[in-house]
Amino acid sequence: MMLNQYFLHFEESKIVTPLYAFDIDYLNIPKYVGLSKEQILENYRILLTYLNIPWFLALDMPDFPSSASGLFHFFEVKKLFMLDYLILIFSGMGTLWFVRHLNRRRESWRLLPYFRQGTLIPLAILLALLVSFDTLFVLFHKVFFNNDAWLFNATTDPIILALPAEFFMHSFLLAFGLIEVFLILGYFTTKYRISAPSR
């Protein structure tokens, strides 16, 4: 029980929750769903918990009924989340080993080209998102989902009214914007460490 409460608290602190709280007001979501901001956030936290915590196997949002097709889509999204976490763990371990290996050999300078070239990727994605988000959003779903379950009907799955496309665009912009910031910080931090006189 305490472990579950810890993870629920973790979900509430995620950066996407403040963004969604902002978008509820900015996009006037209560007008479209007929619920208060607090009710919408509570249902959203339940959805986040289901998507992010492996042992939460059932999705039941108190104010948003879901069709079998809608629940199946969220199940597929959950599988993608789990895959993302596995990739993050193993790639993080590999990156940590590589960085420590370079530090031991005093070859941290080898990281600079990765940071320089890496900064171009988020910039390109951010530009593409700003120019043609709707097209990319549809393409994303067609690539990662081999069915039409992601095409929600607001009558049977009213949660779609609380998750407008604009919110997803803001989420992607924030995510890749933060990645860009981290890459730039990594570049200048590494450059500073290289140029700093050794003691």
N, C-alpha and C. Protein backbone atom coordinates (compact mmCIF):
# COMPACT_ATOMS: atom_id res chain seq x y z
N MET A 1 0.83 -1.20 0.00
CA MET A 1 0.00 0.00 0.00
C MET A 1 0.87 1.26 0.00
N MET A 2 1.89 1.27 0.85
CA MET A 2 2.78 2.42 0.90
C MET A 2 3.52 2.59 -0.42
N LEU A 3 3.89 1.46 -1.04
CA LEU A 3 4.58 1.52 -2.33
C LEU A 3 3.68 2.13 -3.39
N ASN A 4 2.41 1.73 -3.38
CA ASN A 4 1.46 2.29 -4.33
C ASN A 4 1.29 3.80 -4.13
N GLN A 5 1.24 4.24 -2.86
CA GLN A 5 1.10 5.65 -2.57
C GLN A 5 2.33 6.43 -3.04
N TYR A 6 3.50 5.80 -2.92
CA TYR A 6 4.73 6.45 -3.38
C TYR A 6 4.67 6.70 -4.88
N PHE A 7 4.25 5.68 -5.62
CA PHE A 7 4.20 5.83 -7.07
C PHE A 7 3.11 6.81 -7.49
N LEU A 8 2.00 6.85 -6.76
CA LEU A 8 0.98 7.83 -7.06
C LEU A 8 1.51 9.24 -6.85
N HIS A 9 2.26 9.44 -5.78
CA HIS A 9 2.87 10.75 -5.52
C HIS A 9 3.87 11.09 -6.62
N PHE A 10 4.64 10.09 -7.06
CA PHE A 10 5.61 10.29 -8.14
C PHE A 10 4.91 10.76 -9.41
N GLU A 11 3.78 10.13 -9.73
CA GLU A 11 3.05 10.50 -10.94
C GLU A 11 2.56 11.94 -10.85
N GLU A 12 2.11 12.35 -9.67
CA GLU A 12 1.58 13.69 -9.52
C GLU A 12 2.67 14.75 -9.70
N SER A 13 3.91 14.37 -9.48
CA SER A 13 5.01 15.33 -9.57
C SER A 13 5.63 15.38 -10.95
N LYS A 14 5.18 14.53 -11.87
CA LYS A 14 5.78 14.51 -13.20
C LYS A 14 5.53 15.83 -13.90
N ILE A 15 6.49 16.20 -14.75
CA ILE A 15 6.41 17.51 -15.39
C ILE A 15 5.20 17.64 -16.30
N VAL A 16 4.72 16.52 -16.83
CA VAL A 16 3.58 16.59 -17.74
C VAL A 16 2.31 16.97 -16.99
N THR A 17 2.23 16.70 -15.69
CA THR A 17 1.04 17.06 -14.93
C THR A 17 0.90 18.57 -14.78
N PRO A 18 1.95 19.31 -14.42
CA PRO A 18 1.83 20.77 -14.44
C PRO A 18 1.48 21.31 -15.83
N LEU A 19 2.04 20.69 -16.87
CA LEU A 19 1.71 21.13 -18.23
C LEU A 19 0.22 20.91 -18.51
N TYR A 20 -0.27 19.74 -18.11
CA TYR A 20 -1.69 19.44 -18.35
C TYR A 20 -2.58 20.37 -17.53
N ALA A 21 -2.17 20.64 -16.30
CA ALA A 21 -2.94 21.57 -15.45
C ALA A 21 -3.02 22.94 -16.12
N PHE A 22 -1.91 23.36 -16.73
CA PHE A 22 -1.91 24.63 -17.47
C PHE A 22 -2.85 24.56 -18.67
N ASP A 23 -2.76 23.44 -19.42
CA ASP A 23 -3.56 23.31 -20.64
C ASP A 23 -5.05 23.19 -20.35
N ILE A 24 -5.40 22.66 -19.19
CA ILE A 24 -6.82 22.59 -18.83
C ILE A 24 -7.44 23.98 -18.87
N ASP A 25 -6.69 24.96 -18.35
CA ASP A 25 -7.17 26.34 -18.38
C ASP A 25 -6.96 26.97 -19.76
N TYR A 26 -5.77 26.76 -20.31
CA TYR A 26 -5.41 27.42 -21.57
C TYR A 26 -6.31 26.97 -22.72
N LEU A 27 -6.64 25.67 -22.75
CA LEU A 27 -7.47 25.12 -23.82
C LEU A 27 -8.95 25.04 -23.44
N ASN A 28 -9.26 25.52 -22.23
CA ASN A 28 -10.65 25.56 -21.75
C ASN A 28 -11.30 24.18 -21.82
N ILE A 29 -10.58 23.17 -21.32
CA ILE A 29 -11.07 21.79 -21.39
C ILE A 29 -12.35 21.57 -20.58
N PRO A 30 -12.51 22.18 -19.38
CA PRO A 30 -13.77 21.96 -18.64
C PRO A 30 -15.02 22.29 -19.44
N LYS A 31 -14.92 23.23 -20.34
CA LYS A 31 -16.08 23.60 -21.17
C LYS A 31 -16.54 22.43 -22.03
N TYR A 32 -15.59 21.62 -22.49
CA TYR A 32 -15.92 20.54 -23.43
C TYR A 32 -16.31 19.24 -22.72
N VAL A 33 -15.86 19.06 -21.49
CA VAL A 33 -16.15 17.79 -20.80
C VAL A 33 -17.18 17.95 -19.68
N GLY A 34 -17.47 19.18 -19.29
CA GLY A 34 -18.48 19.39 -18.26
C GLY A 34 -18.05 18.96 -16.87
N LEU A 35 -16.74 19.01 -16.61
CA LEU A 35 -16.20 18.65 -15.29
C LEU A 35 -15.32 19.77 -14.78
N SER A 36 -15.08 19.78 -13.47
CA SER A 36 -14.18 20.78 -12.89
C SER A 36 -12.73 20.42 -13.19
N LYS A 37 -11.85 21.38 -13.02
CA LYS A 37 -10.43 21.14 -13.24
C LYS A 37 -9.92 20.05 -12.32
N GLU A 38 -10.37 20.05 -11.07
CA GLU A 38 -9.92 19.04 -10.10
C GLU A 38 -10.35 17.64 -10.52
N GLN A 39 -11.57 17.51 -11.02
CA GLN A 39 -12.05 16.21 -11.48
C GLN A 39 -11.25 15.72 -12.69
N ILE A 40 -10.98 16.62 -13.60
CA ILE A 40 -10.21 16.25 -14.80
C ILE A 40 -8.81 15.80 -14.41
N LEU A 41 -8.17 16.53 -13.51
CA LEU A 41 -6.82 16.17 -13.07
C LEU A 41 -6.81 14.81 -12.37
N GLU A 42 -7.82 14.54 -11.56
CA GLU A 42 -7.87 13.26 -10.85
C GLU A 42 -7.97 12.11 -11.84
N ASN A 43 -8.80 12.24 -12.85
CA ASN A 43 -8.92 11.19 -13.87
C ASN A 43 -7.64 11.06 -14.67
N TYR A 44 -6.99 12.18 -14.92
CA TYR A 44 -5.73 12.16 -15.67
C TYR A 44 -4.63 11.45 -14.88
N ARG A 45 -4.60 11.68 -13.57
CA ARG A 45 -3.61 11.00 -12.73
C ARG A 45 -3.85 9.50 -12.71
N ILE A 46 -5.10 9.10 -12.70
CA ILE A 46 -5.43 7.67 -12.76
C ILE A 46 -4.94 7.08 -14.07
N LEU A 47 -5.13 7.80 -15.16
CA LEU A 47 -4.65 7.34 -16.47
C LEU A 47 -3.13 7.23 -16.48
N LEU A 48 -2.44 8.24 -15.95
CA LEU A 48 -0.97 8.22 -15.90
C LEU A 48 -0.46 7.05 -15.07
N THR A 49 -1.11 6.82 -13.95
CA THR A 49 -0.69 5.71 -13.09
C THR A 49 -0.82 4.39 -13.83
N TYR A 50 -1.93 4.19 -14.50
CA TYR A 50 -2.14 2.96 -15.27
C TYR A 50 -1.07 2.79 -16.35
N LEU A 51 -0.74 3.87 -17.05
CA LEU A 51 0.21 3.79 -18.16
C LEU A 51 1.64 3.57 -17.69
N ASN A 52 1.98 4.07 -16.52
CA ASN A 52 3.38 4.07 -16.08
C ASN A 52 3.76 2.98 -15.09
N ILE A 53 2.81 2.46 -14.34
CA ILE A 53 3.12 1.48 -13.31
C ILE A 53 2.77 0.09 -13.80
N PRO A 54 3.75 -0.83 -13.92
CA PRO A 54 3.52 -2.14 -14.54
C PRO A 54 2.41 -2.95 -13.90
N TRP A 55 2.30 -2.92 -12.56
CA TRP A 55 1.35 -3.80 -11.90
C TRP A 55 -0.05 -3.19 -11.74
N PHE A 56 -0.27 -2.01 -12.27
CA PHE A 56 -1.62 -1.47 -12.36
C PHE A 56 -2.22 -1.97 -13.68
N LEU A 57 -3.06 -2.99 -13.59
CA LEU A 57 -3.49 -3.71 -14.78
C LEU A 57 -4.87 -3.31 -15.29
N ALA A 58 -5.59 -2.52 -14.53
CA ALA A 58 -6.94 -2.13 -14.94
C ALA A 58 -7.06 -0.61 -14.95
N LEU A 59 -7.73 -0.10 -15.96
CA LEU A 59 -7.95 1.34 -16.07
C LEU A 59 -9.43 1.63 -15.82
N ASP A 60 -9.69 2.43 -14.80
CA ASP A 60 -11.08 2.78 -14.47
C ASP A 60 -11.12 4.24 -14.04
N MET A 61 -11.41 5.12 -14.99
CA MET A 61 -11.51 6.54 -14.69
C MET A 61 -12.95 6.83 -14.26
N PRO A 62 -13.14 7.35 -13.05
CA PRO A 62 -14.49 7.48 -12.49
C PRO A 62 -15.43 8.36 -13.29
N ASP A 63 -14.88 9.37 -13.97
CA ASP A 63 -15.75 10.32 -14.68
C ASP A 63 -15.73 10.16 -16.19
N PHE A 64 -14.97 9.17 -16.68
CA PHE A 64 -14.88 8.95 -18.12
C PHE A 64 -15.09 7.47 -18.44
N PRO A 65 -16.26 7.09 -18.91
CA PRO A 65 -16.46 5.70 -19.34
C PRO A 65 -15.59 5.40 -20.55
N SER A 66 -15.23 4.14 -20.71
CA SER A 66 -14.35 3.74 -21.81
C SER A 66 -14.94 2.53 -22.53
N SER A 67 -14.82 2.55 -23.85
CA SER A 67 -15.24 1.40 -24.65
C SER A 67 -14.14 0.35 -24.64
N ALA A 68 -14.46 -0.85 -25.12
CA ALA A 68 -13.46 -1.91 -25.22
C ALA A 68 -12.33 -1.49 -26.14
N SER A 69 -12.68 -0.79 -27.22
CA SER A 69 -11.66 -0.31 -28.16
C SER A 69 -10.75 0.72 -27.51
N GLY A 70 -11.35 1.64 -26.73
CA GLY A 70 -10.55 2.65 -26.05
C GLY A 70 -9.61 2.05 -25.02
N LEU A 71 -10.11 1.09 -24.25
CA LEU A 71 -9.27 0.42 -23.25
C LEU A 71 -8.15 -0.35 -23.92
N PHE A 72 -8.44 -0.96 -25.07
CA PHE A 72 -7.40 -1.69 -25.80
C PHE A 72 -6.30 -0.74 -26.27
N HIS A 73 -6.69 0.44 -26.73
CA HIS A 73 -5.68 1.40 -27.17
C HIS A 73 -4.79 1.83 -26.00
N PHE A 74 -5.38 2.11 -24.86
CA PHE A 74 -4.58 2.49 -23.70
C PHE A 74 -3.68 1.33 -23.26
N PHE A 75 -4.14 0.10 -23.42
CA PHE A 75 -3.30 -1.06 -23.12
C PHE A 75 -2.09 -1.09 -24.06
N GLU A 76 -2.30 -0.78 -25.33
CA GLU A 76 -1.18 -0.74 -26.27
C GLU A 76 -0.22 0.40 -25.94
N VAL A 77 -0.77 1.53 -25.52
CA VAL A 77 0.08 2.65 -25.09
C VAL A 77 0.90 2.25 -23.88
N LYS A 78 0.29 1.54 -22.95
CA LYS A 78 1.00 1.07 -21.75
C LYS A 78 2.18 0.18 -22.15
N LYS A 79 1.99 -0.71 -23.12
CA LYS A 79 3.08 -1.57 -23.58
C LYS A 79 4.21 -0.73 -24.17
N LEU A 80 3.88 0.32 -24.89
CA LEU A 80 4.91 1.21 -25.42
C LEU A 80 5.67 1.90 -24.29
N PHE A 81 4.95 2.33 -23.25
CA PHE A 81 5.60 2.95 -22.10
C PHE A 81 6.58 1.98 -21.45
N MET A 82 6.17 0.73 -21.27
CA MET A 82 7.04 -0.26 -20.65
C MET A 82 8.28 -0.50 -21.51
N LEU A 83 8.09 -0.55 -22.82
CA LEU A 83 9.23 -0.71 -23.73
C LEU A 83 10.16 0.48 -23.63
N ASP A 84 9.60 1.67 -23.54
CA ASP A 84 10.41 2.88 -23.39
C ASP A 84 11.26 2.83 -22.13
N TYR A 85 10.66 2.36 -21.03
CA TYR A 85 11.40 2.28 -19.77
C TYR A 85 12.54 1.27 -19.87
N LEU A 86 12.30 0.15 -20.53
CA LEU A 86 13.37 -0.85 -20.71
C LEU A 86 14.51 -0.28 -21.53
N ILE A 87 14.16 0.41 -22.61
CA ILE A 87 15.19 1.03 -23.46
C ILE A 87 15.96 2.07 -22.66
N LEU A 88 15.24 2.86 -21.86
CA LEU A 88 15.88 3.88 -21.04
C LEU A 88 16.87 3.27 -20.05
N ILE A 89 16.47 2.17 -19.41
CA ILE A 89 17.34 1.52 -18.42
C ILE A 89 18.61 1.00 -19.07
N PHE A 90 18.47 0.23 -20.15
CA PHE A 90 19.64 -0.38 -20.77
C PHE A 90 20.52 0.64 -21.49
N SER A 91 19.90 1.61 -22.16
CA SER A 91 20.70 2.64 -22.82
C SER A 91 21.38 3.52 -21.78
N GLY A 92 20.70 3.77 -20.65
CA GLY A 92 21.30 4.56 -19.58
C GLY A 92 22.51 3.86 -18.98
N MET A 93 22.39 2.54 -18.78
CA MET A 93 23.52 1.78 -18.26
C MET A 93 24.69 1.80 -19.23
N GLY A 94 24.39 1.65 -20.52
CA GLY A 94 25.44 1.68 -21.53
C GLY A 94 26.11 3.04 -21.61
N THR A 95 25.31 4.09 -21.53
CA THR A 95 25.85 5.45 -21.59
C THR A 95 26.72 5.73 -20.37
N LEU A 96 26.26 5.32 -19.19
CA LEU A 96 27.03 5.51 -17.97
C LEU A 96 28.37 4.80 -18.06
N TRP A 97 28.37 3.57 -18.55
CA TRP A 97 29.63 2.83 -18.69
C TRP A 97 30.55 3.54 -19.67
N PHE A 98 30.02 4.00 -20.79
CA PHE A 98 30.82 4.66 -21.82
C PHE A 98 31.45 5.95 -21.29
N VAL A 99 30.65 6.75 -20.58
CA VAL A 99 31.16 8.02 -20.04
C VAL A 99 32.23 7.76 -18.99
N ARG A 100 32.02 6.79 -18.11
CA ARG A 100 33.03 6.47 -17.09
C ARG A 100 34.29 5.94 -17.75
N HIS A 101 34.14 5.16 -18.80
CA HIS A 101 35.30 4.64 -19.53
C HIS A 101 36.12 5.78 -20.12
N LEU A 102 35.44 6.76 -20.72
CA LEU A 102 36.15 7.91 -21.29
C LEU A 102 36.80 8.75 -20.20
N ASN A 103 36.13 8.91 -19.07
CA ASN A 103 36.70 9.69 -17.97
C ASN A 103 37.97 9.06 -17.44
N ARG A 104 37.95 7.72 -17.31
CA ARG A 104 39.15 7.03 -16.82
C ARG A 104 40.32 7.21 -17.78
N ARG A 105 40.03 7.24 -19.06
CA ARG A 105 41.07 7.40 -20.08
C ARG A 105 41.36 8.86 -20.39
N ARG A 106 40.69 9.76 -19.67
CA ARG A 106 40.83 11.20 -19.91
C ARG A 106 40.54 11.54 -21.37
N GLU A 107 39.47 10.97 -21.89
CA GLU A 107 39.08 11.20 -23.28
C GLU A 107 37.66 11.74 -23.37
N SER A 108 37.29 12.56 -22.40
CA SER A 108 35.94 13.12 -22.39
C SER A 108 35.66 13.97 -23.63
N TRP A 109 36.73 14.46 -24.25
CA TRP A 109 36.57 15.28 -25.44
C TRP A 109 35.84 14.53 -26.56
N ARG A 110 35.88 13.22 -26.51
CA ARG A 110 35.19 12.43 -27.54
C ARG A 110 33.67 12.60 -27.48
N LEU A 111 33.17 13.08 -26.35
CA LEU A 111 31.73 13.29 -26.21
C LEU A 111 31.24 14.53 -26.95
N LEU A 112 32.14 15.48 -27.18
CA LEU A 112 31.73 16.76 -27.76
C LEU A 112 31.04 16.62 -29.12
N PRO A 113 31.57 15.82 -30.05
CA PRO A 113 30.86 15.67 -31.34
C PRO A 113 29.46 15.08 -31.17
N TYR A 114 29.30 14.15 -30.21
CA TYR A 114 27.97 13.57 -29.97
C TYR A 114 26.99 14.64 -29.51
N PHE A 115 27.45 15.50 -28.60
CA PHE A 115 26.59 16.58 -28.12
C PHE A 115 26.27 17.57 -29.24
N ARG A 116 27.31 17.95 -30.02
CA ARG A 116 27.10 18.92 -31.10
C ARG A 116 26.10 18.40 -32.12
N GLN A 117 26.34 17.17 -32.58
CA GLN A 117 25.44 16.60 -33.59
C GLN A 117 24.07 16.28 -32.99
N GLY A 118 24.07 15.89 -31.72
CA GLY A 118 22.82 15.54 -31.08
C GLY A 118 21.86 16.71 -30.96
N THR A 119 22.40 17.93 -30.81
CA THR A 119 21.53 19.10 -30.67
C THR A 119 20.72 19.37 -31.94
N LEU A 120 21.19 18.86 -33.07
CA LEU A 120 20.47 19.10 -34.33
C LEU A 120 19.17 18.31 -34.41
N ILE A 121 19.15 17.14 -33.76
CA ILE A 121 17.98 16.26 -33.87
C ILE A 121 16.74 16.86 -33.20
N PRO A 122 16.82 17.28 -31.93
CA PRO A 122 15.63 17.91 -31.32
C PRO A 122 15.20 19.17 -32.06
N LEU A 123 16.16 19.95 -32.57
CA LEU A 123 15.80 21.16 -33.31
C LEU A 123 15.01 20.83 -34.56
N ALA A 124 15.45 19.79 -35.28
CA ALA A 124 14.74 19.38 -36.49
C ALA A 124 13.34 18.88 -36.15
N ILE A 125 13.23 18.12 -35.07
CA ILE A 125 11.92 17.59 -34.66
C ILE A 125 11.01 18.73 -34.21
N LEU A 126 11.55 19.67 -33.45
CA LEU A 126 10.75 20.81 -33.00
C LEU A 126 10.22 21.61 -34.18
N LEU A 127 11.07 21.82 -35.18
CA LEU A 127 10.64 22.55 -36.38
C LEU A 127 9.54 21.80 -37.10
N ALA A 128 9.72 20.48 -37.24
CA ALA A 128 8.70 19.66 -37.91
C ALA A 128 7.38 19.69 -37.16
N LEU A 129 7.45 19.65 -35.83
CA LEU A 129 6.23 19.69 -35.02
C LEU A 129 5.49 21.00 -35.19
N LEU A 130 6.24 22.08 -35.27
CA LEU A 130 5.62 23.39 -35.42
C LEU A 130 5.00 23.57 -36.80
N VAL A 131 5.63 22.96 -37.81
CA VAL A 131 5.16 23.13 -39.19
C VAL A 131 3.98 22.22 -39.51
N SER A 132 4.06 20.95 -39.10
CA SER A 132 3.01 20.00 -39.51
C SER A 132 2.73 18.98 -38.41
N PHE A 133 2.29 19.45 -37.26
CA PHE A 133 2.05 18.53 -36.15
C PHE A 133 0.96 17.52 -36.47
N ASP A 134 -0.15 17.95 -37.05
CA ASP A 134 -1.27 17.05 -37.31
C ASP A 134 -0.85 15.87 -38.18
N THR A 135 -0.07 16.15 -39.22
CA THR A 135 0.41 15.08 -40.10
C THR A 135 1.31 14.11 -39.35
N LEU A 136 2.23 14.65 -38.56
CA LEU A 136 3.15 13.80 -37.79
C LEU A 136 2.41 13.01 -36.72
N PHE A 137 1.39 13.60 -36.14
CA PHE A 137 0.61 12.92 -35.10
C PHE A 137 -0.09 11.69 -35.67
N VAL A 138 -0.69 11.85 -36.84
CA VAL A 138 -1.36 10.72 -37.50
C VAL A 138 -0.33 9.67 -37.92
N LEU A 139 0.80 10.13 -38.47
CA LEU A 139 1.86 9.20 -38.90
C LEU A 139 2.39 8.41 -37.72
N PHE A 140 2.58 9.06 -36.59
CA PHE A 140 3.06 8.40 -35.37
C PHE A 140 2.13 7.24 -35.00
N HIS A 141 0.84 7.49 -35.02
CA HIS A 141 -0.11 6.44 -34.65
C HIS A 141 -0.15 5.31 -35.67
N LYS A 142 0.00 5.64 -36.93
CA LYS A 142 -0.01 4.60 -37.96
C LYS A 142 1.23 3.71 -37.87
N VAL A 143 2.34 4.30 -37.44
CA VAL A 143 3.59 3.53 -37.32
C VAL A 143 3.55 2.62 -36.10
N PHE A 144 3.08 3.12 -34.97
CA PHE A 144 3.16 2.37 -33.71
C PHE A 144 1.92 1.54 -33.38
N PHE A 145 0.84 1.76 -34.10
CA PHE A 145 -0.39 1.00 -33.84
C PHE A 145 -0.94 0.45 -35.15
N ASN A 146 -1.08 -0.86 -35.22
CA ASN A 146 -1.52 -1.50 -36.46
C ASN A 146 -3.03 -1.71 -36.50
N ASN A 147 -3.77 -0.74 -35.94
CA ASN A 147 -5.23 -0.82 -35.92
C ASN A 147 -5.79 0.60 -35.83
N ASP A 148 -7.12 0.68 -35.78
CA ASP A 148 -7.78 1.99 -35.71
C ASP A 148 -8.32 2.30 -34.32
N ALA A 149 -7.86 1.57 -33.31
CA ALA A 149 -8.38 1.78 -31.95
C ALA A 149 -8.04 3.17 -31.42
N TRP A 150 -7.01 3.81 -32.00
CA TRP A 150 -6.62 5.14 -31.53
C TRP A 150 -7.58 6.23 -32.02
N LEU A 151 -8.45 5.88 -32.96
CA LEU A 151 -9.44 6.84 -33.45
C LEU A 151 -10.66 6.80 -32.51
N PHE A 152 -10.60 7.62 -31.48
CA PHE A 152 -11.62 7.60 -30.44
C PHE A 152 -12.93 8.25 -30.90
N ASN A 153 -14.02 7.71 -30.40
CA ASN A 153 -15.34 8.31 -30.58
C ASN A 153 -15.71 9.01 -29.27
N ALA A 154 -15.95 10.29 -29.33
CA ALA A 154 -16.21 11.07 -28.11
C ALA A 154 -17.46 10.60 -27.38
N THR A 155 -18.35 9.93 -28.08
CA THR A 155 -19.57 9.44 -27.44
C THR A 155 -19.28 8.25 -26.53
N THR A 156 -18.45 7.33 -27.01
CA THR A 156 -18.14 6.13 -26.23
C THR A 156 -16.88 6.29 -25.39
N ASP A 157 -15.99 7.20 -25.79
CA ASP A 157 -14.73 7.45 -25.06
C ASP A 157 -14.55 8.95 -24.88
N PRO A 158 -15.31 9.57 -23.98
CA PRO A 158 -15.25 11.02 -23.80
C PRO A 158 -13.91 11.54 -23.30
N ILE A 159 -13.01 10.64 -22.87
CA ILE A 159 -11.69 11.08 -22.44
C ILE A 159 -10.96 11.83 -23.54
N ILE A 160 -11.31 11.53 -24.80
CA ILE A 160 -10.64 12.19 -25.91
C ILE A 160 -10.89 13.69 -25.90
N LEU A 161 -12.03 14.10 -25.34
CA LEU A 161 -12.33 15.53 -25.24
C LEU A 161 -11.43 16.22 -24.22
N ALA A 162 -10.93 15.44 -23.27
CA ALA A 162 -10.04 15.99 -22.24
C ALA A 162 -8.58 15.90 -22.66
N LEU A 163 -8.31 15.25 -23.80
CA LEU A 163 -6.94 15.11 -24.30
C LEU A 163 -6.87 15.62 -25.73
N PRO A 164 -7.03 16.93 -25.92
CA PRO A 164 -7.00 17.47 -27.28
C PRO A 164 -5.61 17.37 -27.90
N ALA A 165 -5.57 17.42 -29.22
CA ALA A 165 -4.30 17.30 -29.95
C ALA A 165 -3.32 18.38 -29.53
N GLU A 166 -3.84 19.56 -29.19
CA GLU A 166 -2.96 20.66 -28.78
C GLU A 166 -2.14 20.31 -27.55
N PHE A 167 -2.75 19.55 -26.64
CA PHE A 167 -2.01 19.14 -25.44
C PHE A 167 -0.85 18.23 -25.81
N PHE A 168 -1.06 17.30 -26.73
CA PHE A 168 0.02 16.42 -27.16
C PHE A 168 1.11 17.21 -27.87
N MET A 169 0.72 18.20 -28.64
CA MET A 169 1.73 19.04 -29.29
C MET A 169 2.57 19.76 -28.25
N HIS A 170 1.92 20.33 -27.25
CA HIS A 170 2.66 21.02 -26.18
C HIS A 170 3.58 20.04 -25.44
N SER A 171 3.12 18.80 -25.24
CA SER A 171 3.93 17.80 -24.55
C SER A 171 5.18 17.46 -25.35
N PHE A 172 5.02 17.25 -26.65
CA PHE A 172 6.16 16.95 -27.50
C PHE A 172 7.13 18.12 -27.56
N LEU A 173 6.60 19.33 -27.68
CA LEU A 173 7.46 20.52 -27.72
C LEU A 173 8.25 20.65 -26.43
N LEU A 174 7.59 20.42 -25.30
CA LEU A 174 8.28 20.51 -24.01
C LEU A 174 9.35 19.43 -23.89
N ALA A 175 9.01 18.20 -24.28
CA ALA A 175 9.95 17.09 -24.14
C ALA A 175 11.20 17.31 -24.98
N PHE A 176 11.02 17.64 -26.25
CA PHE A 176 12.19 17.82 -27.12
C PHE A 176 12.92 19.12 -26.80
N GLY A 177 12.19 20.12 -26.28
CA GLY A 177 12.86 21.33 -25.83
C GLY A 177 13.78 21.05 -24.65
N LEU A 178 13.33 20.22 -23.71
CA LEU A 178 14.17 19.84 -22.57
C LEU A 178 15.36 19.00 -23.01
N ILE A 179 15.14 18.10 -23.96
CA ILE A 179 16.26 17.30 -24.48
C ILE A 179 17.31 18.22 -25.09
N GLU A 180 16.87 19.23 -25.82
CA GLU A 180 17.80 20.18 -26.42
C GLU A 180 18.60 20.91 -25.34
N VAL A 181 17.92 21.34 -24.29
CA VAL A 181 18.60 22.04 -23.19
C VAL A 181 19.63 21.13 -22.54
N PHE A 182 19.28 19.87 -22.29
CA PHE A 182 20.20 18.93 -21.65
C PHE A 182 21.42 18.67 -22.53
N LEU A 183 21.22 18.57 -23.83
CA LEU A 183 22.35 18.35 -24.74
C LEU A 183 23.29 19.55 -24.75
N ILE A 184 22.72 20.74 -24.75
CA ILE A 184 23.55 21.95 -24.72
C ILE A 184 24.31 22.04 -23.40
N LEU A 185 23.62 21.76 -22.30
CA LEU A 185 24.30 21.77 -21.00
C LEU A 185 25.39 20.71 -20.95
N GLY A 186 25.12 19.53 -21.50
CA GLY A 186 26.12 18.48 -21.54
C GLY A 186 27.35 18.89 -22.33
N TYR A 187 27.11 19.57 -23.45
CA TYR A 187 28.23 20.03 -24.28
C TYR A 187 29.11 21.01 -23.52
N PHE A 188 28.51 22.04 -22.94
CA PHE A 188 29.30 23.08 -22.28
C PHE A 188 29.91 22.57 -20.97
N THR A 189 29.21 21.67 -20.27
CA THR A 189 29.78 21.09 -19.06
C THR A 189 31.01 20.26 -19.39
N THR A 190 30.91 19.44 -20.43
CA THR A 190 32.05 18.62 -20.85
C THR A 190 33.20 19.49 -21.32
N LYS A 191 32.87 20.53 -22.08
CA LYS A 191 33.92 21.43 -22.58
C LYS A 191 34.62 22.13 -21.42
N TYR A 192 33.85 22.52 -20.41
CA TYR A 192 34.44 23.18 -19.24
C TYR A 192 35.36 22.23 -18.49
N ARG A 193 34.93 20.98 -18.32
CA ARG A 193 35.74 20.00 -17.61
C ARG A 193 37.05 19.73 -18.34
N ILE A 194 36.99 19.74 -19.67
CA ILE A 194 38.20 19.49 -20.45
C ILE A 194 39.19 20.64 -20.32
N SER A 195 38.64 21.87 -20.37
CA SER A 195 39.51 23.05 -20.34
C SER A 195 39.97 23.42 -18.94
N ALA A 196 39.27 22.93 -17.92
CA ALA A 196 39.65 23.26 -16.54
C ALA A 196 40.99 22.63 -16.20
N PRO A 197 41.89 23.37 -15.55
CA PRO A 197 43.19 22.79 -15.18
C PRO A 197 43.03 21.65 -14.19
N SER A 198 43.73 20.57 -14.45
CA SER A 198 43.66 19.41 -13.55
C SER A 198 44.41 19.71 -12.27
N ARG A 199 43.88 19.18 -11.15
CA ARG A 199 44.51 19.43 -9.85
C ARG A 199 45.46 18.30 -9.50
